[in-house]
Amino acid sequence: MEINWIAVGWIIDMTLNGLLWLIIAVFSLLLIDMTDSWTRKAIKWMDKADKWIRRLIDILLEWIENKNLKIISSIILLIVLGTLAQLGIIPKLIT
């Protein structure tokens, strides 16, 4: 009985390729899981910062409205909106 070395090589190749792809998949899943938790933490922090900034702007604009300071309010609003536009937050708020 002769051994078909091509078939043996093919079986060894398929086994090693399967093990290699299994190792790659495990590391990829670990990396995805780790970055997913980082992304969730970043989104929670961004939500807190967004709420804090909105509250600060509301308080500031309400104070200016109560004091009837139109020139100061326009300058401050110009600075705030200019900063938000430079950071690219205004297009995100619009969409």
N, C-alpha and C. Protein backbone atom coordinates (compact mmCIF):
# COMPACT_ATOMS: atom_id res chain seq x y z
N MET A 1 0.84 -1.18 0.00
CA MET A 1 0.00 0.00 0.00
C MET A 1 0.88 1.24 0.00
N GLU A 2 0.61 2.11 -0.95
CA GLU A 2 1.40 3.32 -1.08
C GLU A 2 0.73 4.47 -0.32
N ILE A 3 1.56 5.35 0.20
CA ILE A 3 1.05 6.54 0.90
C ILE A 3 0.97 7.68 -0.11
N ASN A 4 -0.17 8.30 -0.16
CA ASN A 4 -0.35 9.44 -1.05
C ASN A 4 0.15 10.69 -0.30
N TRP A 5 1.38 11.10 -0.59
CA TRP A 5 2.00 12.21 0.14
C TRP A 5 1.32 13.53 -0.17
N ILE A 6 0.72 13.65 -1.30
CA ILE A 6 -0.01 14.88 -1.62
C ILE A 6 -1.21 15.03 -0.69
N ALA A 7 -1.93 13.95 -0.46
CA ALA A 7 -3.08 14.00 0.43
C ALA A 7 -2.64 14.26 1.87
N VAL A 8 -1.53 13.64 2.28
CA VAL A 8 -1.03 13.85 3.64
C VAL A 8 -0.61 15.31 3.82
N GLY A 9 0.09 15.87 2.84
CA GLY A 9 0.49 17.28 2.89
C GLY A 9 -0.70 18.20 2.91
N TRP A 10 -1.72 17.86 2.13
CA TRP A 10 -2.93 18.67 2.09
C TRP A 10 -3.63 18.66 3.45
N ILE A 11 -3.73 17.49 4.08
CA ILE A 11 -4.37 17.38 5.40
C ILE A 11 -3.58 18.17 6.45
N ILE A 12 -2.24 18.04 6.42
CA ILE A 12 -1.41 18.80 7.37
C ILE A 12 -1.57 20.30 7.14
N ASP A 13 -1.57 20.70 5.89
CA ASP A 13 -1.73 22.12 5.55
C ASP A 13 -3.08 22.65 6.02
N MET A 14 -4.14 21.92 5.78
CA MET A 14 -5.47 22.35 6.20
C MET A 14 -5.56 22.45 7.73
N THR A 15 -4.96 21.49 8.44
CA THR A 15 -4.99 21.51 9.90
C THR A 15 -4.23 22.71 10.45
N LEU A 16 -3.03 22.95 9.93
CA LEU A 16 -2.24 24.09 10.41
C LEU A 16 -2.90 25.42 10.07
N ASN A 17 -3.48 25.51 8.87
CA ASN A 17 -4.20 26.74 8.51
C ASN A 17 -5.41 26.96 9.42
N GLY A 18 -6.12 25.90 9.72
CA GLY A 18 -7.27 26.01 10.61
C GLY A 18 -6.86 26.47 12.00
N LEU A 19 -5.78 25.90 12.53
CA LEU A 19 -5.29 26.33 13.85
C LEU A 19 -4.83 27.77 13.84
N LEU A 20 -4.14 28.17 12.78
CA LEU A 20 -3.67 29.55 12.68
C LEU A 20 -4.84 30.52 12.63
N TRP A 21 -5.87 30.21 11.84
CA TRP A 21 -7.03 31.10 11.77
C TRP A 21 -7.82 31.10 13.07
N LEU A 22 -7.81 30.01 13.80
CA LEU A 22 -8.45 29.97 15.10
C LEU A 22 -7.73 30.92 16.07
N ILE A 23 -6.40 30.89 16.05
CA ILE A 23 -5.62 31.79 16.91
C ILE A 23 -5.86 33.25 16.53
N ILE A 24 -5.88 33.53 15.23
CA ILE A 24 -6.15 34.90 14.77
C ILE A 24 -7.54 35.35 15.20
N ALA A 25 -8.53 34.49 15.10
CA ALA A 25 -9.89 34.84 15.50
C ALA A 25 -9.99 35.11 16.99
N VAL A 26 -9.30 34.31 17.80
CA VAL A 26 -9.34 34.52 19.26
C VAL A 26 -8.73 35.87 19.62
N PHE A 27 -7.55 36.18 19.05
CA PHE A 27 -6.93 37.47 19.34
C PHE A 27 -7.77 38.63 18.83
N SER A 28 -8.39 38.46 17.68
CA SER A 28 -9.25 39.52 17.14
C SER A 28 -10.45 39.77 18.04
N LEU A 29 -11.07 38.71 18.52
CA LEU A 29 -12.21 38.87 19.41
C LEU A 29 -11.81 39.54 20.72
N LEU A 30 -10.64 39.18 21.25
CA LEU A 30 -10.16 39.84 22.47
C LEU A 30 -9.91 41.32 22.23
N LEU A 31 -9.31 41.65 21.09
CA LEU A 31 -9.03 43.05 20.77
C LEU A 31 -10.33 43.83 20.56
N ILE A 32 -11.29 43.23 19.88
CA ILE A 32 -12.58 43.89 19.66
C ILE A 32 -13.30 44.11 20.98
N ASP A 33 -13.26 43.14 21.85
CA ASP A 33 -13.91 43.27 23.15
C ASP A 33 -13.26 44.38 23.97
N MET A 34 -11.94 44.47 23.94
CA MET A 34 -11.23 45.49 24.71
C MET A 34 -11.54 46.89 24.15
N THR A 35 -11.50 47.05 22.84
CA THR A 35 -11.78 48.36 22.26
C THR A 35 -13.25 48.72 22.40
N ASP A 36 -14.12 47.74 22.44
CA ASP A 36 -15.54 48.00 22.65
C ASP A 36 -15.78 48.60 24.03
N SER A 37 -15.11 48.09 25.05
CA SER A 37 -15.27 48.66 26.39
C SER A 37 -14.69 50.06 26.45
N TRP A 38 -13.56 50.30 25.75
CA TRP A 38 -13.01 51.65 25.70
C TRP A 38 -13.97 52.61 25.00
N THR A 39 -14.59 52.15 23.93
CA THR A 39 -15.54 52.99 23.20
C THR A 39 -16.74 53.32 24.07
N ARG A 40 -17.24 52.35 24.81
CA ARG A 40 -18.38 52.61 25.71
C ARG A 40 -18.01 53.63 26.78
N LYS A 41 -16.81 53.53 27.35
CA LYS A 41 -16.37 54.50 28.36
C LYS A 41 -16.24 55.89 27.74
N ALA A 42 -15.70 55.97 26.53
CA ALA A 42 -15.55 57.26 25.87
C ALA A 42 -16.91 57.89 25.57
N ILE A 43 -17.87 57.08 25.16
CA ILE A 43 -19.21 57.61 24.87
C ILE A 43 -19.88 58.09 26.14
N LYS A 44 -19.72 57.37 27.25
CA LYS A 44 -20.29 57.82 28.52
C LYS A 44 -19.66 59.14 28.95
N TRP A 45 -18.33 59.28 28.80
CA TRP A 45 -17.67 60.51 29.17
C TRP A 45 -18.13 61.66 28.28
N MET A 46 -18.27 61.41 26.96
CA MET A 46 -18.73 62.44 26.05
C MET A 46 -20.15 62.87 26.39
N ASP A 47 -21.00 61.93 26.83
CA ASP A 47 -22.36 62.27 27.22
C ASP A 47 -22.35 63.18 28.44
N LYS A 48 -21.51 62.86 29.44
CA LYS A 48 -21.41 63.70 30.63
C LYS A 48 -20.90 65.10 30.27
N ALA A 49 -19.88 65.17 29.42
CA ALA A 49 -19.34 66.46 29.00
C ALA A 49 -20.37 67.26 28.22
N ASP A 50 -21.12 66.59 27.36
CA ASP A 50 -22.15 67.26 26.57
C ASP A 50 -23.23 67.85 27.47
N LYS A 51 -23.69 67.06 28.43
CA LYS A 51 -24.72 67.56 29.35
C LYS A 51 -24.20 68.73 30.19
N TRP A 52 -22.94 68.66 30.63
CA TRP A 52 -22.37 69.73 31.43
C TRP A 52 -22.25 71.01 30.61
N ILE A 53 -21.78 70.89 29.37
CA ILE A 53 -21.63 72.06 28.50
C ILE A 53 -22.99 72.68 28.18
N ARG A 54 -23.99 71.84 27.90
CA ARG A 54 -25.33 72.38 27.62
C ARG A 54 -25.90 73.10 28.83
N ARG A 55 -25.71 72.52 30.02
CA ARG A 55 -26.20 73.17 31.24
C ARG A 55 -25.49 74.50 31.46
N LEU A 56 -24.18 74.54 31.23
CA LEU A 56 -23.40 75.77 31.40
C LEU A 56 -23.86 76.84 30.43
N ILE A 57 -24.07 76.47 29.19
CA ILE A 57 -24.53 77.45 28.19
C ILE A 57 -25.93 77.94 28.53
N ASP A 58 -26.82 77.04 28.97
CA ASP A 58 -28.17 77.46 29.36
C ASP A 58 -28.13 78.45 30.52
N ILE A 59 -27.31 78.15 31.52
CA ILE A 59 -27.21 79.06 32.68
C ILE A 59 -26.63 80.39 32.25
N LEU A 60 -25.60 80.36 31.42
CA LEU A 60 -24.97 81.59 30.96
C LEU A 60 -25.93 82.44 30.13
N LEU A 61 -26.62 81.81 29.21
CA LEU A 61 -27.55 82.57 28.37
C LEU A 61 -28.74 83.09 29.18
N GLU A 62 -29.21 82.32 30.16
CA GLU A 62 -30.31 82.78 31.01
C GLU A 62 -29.88 83.99 31.85
N TRP A 63 -28.65 83.94 32.37
CA TRP A 63 -28.14 85.07 33.17
C TRP A 63 -28.04 86.32 32.31
N ILE A 64 -27.53 86.17 31.08
CA ILE A 64 -27.40 87.31 30.17
C ILE A 64 -28.78 87.86 29.81
N GLU A 65 -29.72 86.96 29.61
CA GLU A 65 -31.09 87.39 29.27
C GLU A 65 -31.72 88.15 30.43
N ASN A 66 -31.51 87.67 31.64
CA ASN A 66 -32.06 88.36 32.82
C ASN A 66 -31.44 89.73 33.03
N LYS A 67 -30.17 89.86 32.72
CA LYS A 67 -29.47 91.15 32.89
C LYS A 67 -29.68 92.07 31.70
N ASN A 68 -30.26 91.55 30.63
CA ASN A 68 -30.52 92.32 29.42
C ASN A 68 -29.23 92.90 28.84
N LEU A 69 -28.22 92.06 28.73
CA LEU A 69 -26.92 92.47 28.19
C LEU A 69 -26.80 91.97 26.75
N LYS A 70 -27.32 92.75 25.82
CA LYS A 70 -27.40 92.29 24.43
C LYS A 70 -26.03 92.24 23.76
N ILE A 71 -25.19 93.24 24.00
CA ILE A 71 -23.89 93.26 23.33
C ILE A 71 -23.00 92.15 23.88
N ILE A 72 -22.99 91.99 25.20
CA ILE A 72 -22.19 90.93 25.79
C ILE A 72 -22.70 89.56 25.37
N SER A 73 -24.04 89.43 25.32
CA SER A 73 -24.59 88.13 24.92
C SER A 73 -24.23 87.80 23.48
N SER A 74 -24.23 88.80 22.62
CA SER A 74 -23.88 88.53 21.23
C SER A 74 -22.41 88.16 21.10
N ILE A 75 -21.53 88.79 21.85
CA ILE A 75 -20.10 88.46 21.79
C ILE A 75 -19.86 87.06 22.33
N ILE A 76 -20.47 86.76 23.48
CA ILE A 76 -20.29 85.44 24.08
C ILE A 76 -20.87 84.35 23.17
N LEU A 77 -22.03 84.61 22.60
CA LEU A 77 -22.64 83.63 21.70
C LEU A 77 -21.78 83.44 20.45
N LEU A 78 -21.18 84.51 19.96
CA LEU A 78 -20.29 84.43 18.82
C LEU A 78 -19.07 83.57 19.15
N ILE A 79 -18.49 83.76 20.34
CA ILE A 79 -17.33 82.97 20.76
C ILE A 79 -17.71 81.50 20.92
N VAL A 80 -18.84 81.25 21.58
CA VAL A 80 -19.27 79.86 21.83
C VAL A 80 -19.58 79.16 20.51
N LEU A 81 -20.34 79.80 19.65
CA LEU A 81 -20.69 79.17 18.38
C LEU A 81 -19.46 79.02 17.47
N GLY A 82 -18.55 79.99 17.51
CA GLY A 82 -17.32 79.87 16.73
C GLY A 82 -16.47 78.70 17.20
N THR A 83 -16.37 78.53 18.52
CA THR A 83 -15.61 77.41 19.07
C THR A 83 -16.26 76.08 18.69
N LEU A 84 -17.58 76.01 18.83
CA LEU A 84 -18.28 74.78 18.47
C LEU A 84 -18.15 74.46 16.98
N ALA A 85 -18.14 75.49 16.15
CA ALA A 85 -17.98 75.27 14.71
C ALA A 85 -16.57 74.79 14.39
N GLN A 86 -15.57 75.37 15.06
CA GLN A 86 -14.19 74.94 14.83
C GLN A 86 -13.96 73.50 15.27
N LEU A 87 -14.61 73.10 16.35
CA LEU A 87 -14.47 71.73 16.84
C LEU A 87 -15.30 70.74 16.03
N GLY A 88 -16.19 71.24 15.20
CA GLY A 88 -17.00 70.37 14.36
C GLY A 88 -18.20 69.79 15.10
N ILE A 89 -18.59 70.43 16.20
CA ILE A 89 -19.72 69.93 16.98
C ILE A 89 -21.05 70.38 16.39
N ILE A 90 -21.09 71.56 15.81
CA ILE A 90 -22.34 72.08 15.27
C ILE A 90 -22.86 71.18 14.13
N PRO A 91 -22.01 70.76 13.18
CA PRO A 91 -22.55 69.83 12.16
C PRO A 91 -23.06 68.53 12.74
N LYS A 92 -22.42 68.05 13.81
CA LYS A 92 -22.90 66.83 14.46
C LYS A 92 -24.24 67.06 15.13
N LEU A 93 -24.43 68.25 15.70
CA LEU A 93 -25.72 68.55 16.35
C LEU A 93 -26.83 68.68 15.32
N ILE A 94 -26.49 69.22 14.15
CA ILE A 94 -27.49 69.41 13.11
C ILE A 94 -27.95 68.06 12.57
N THR A 95 -26.99 67.14 12.39
CA THR A 95 -27.37 65.83 11.85
C THR A 95 -27.85 64.98 12.97
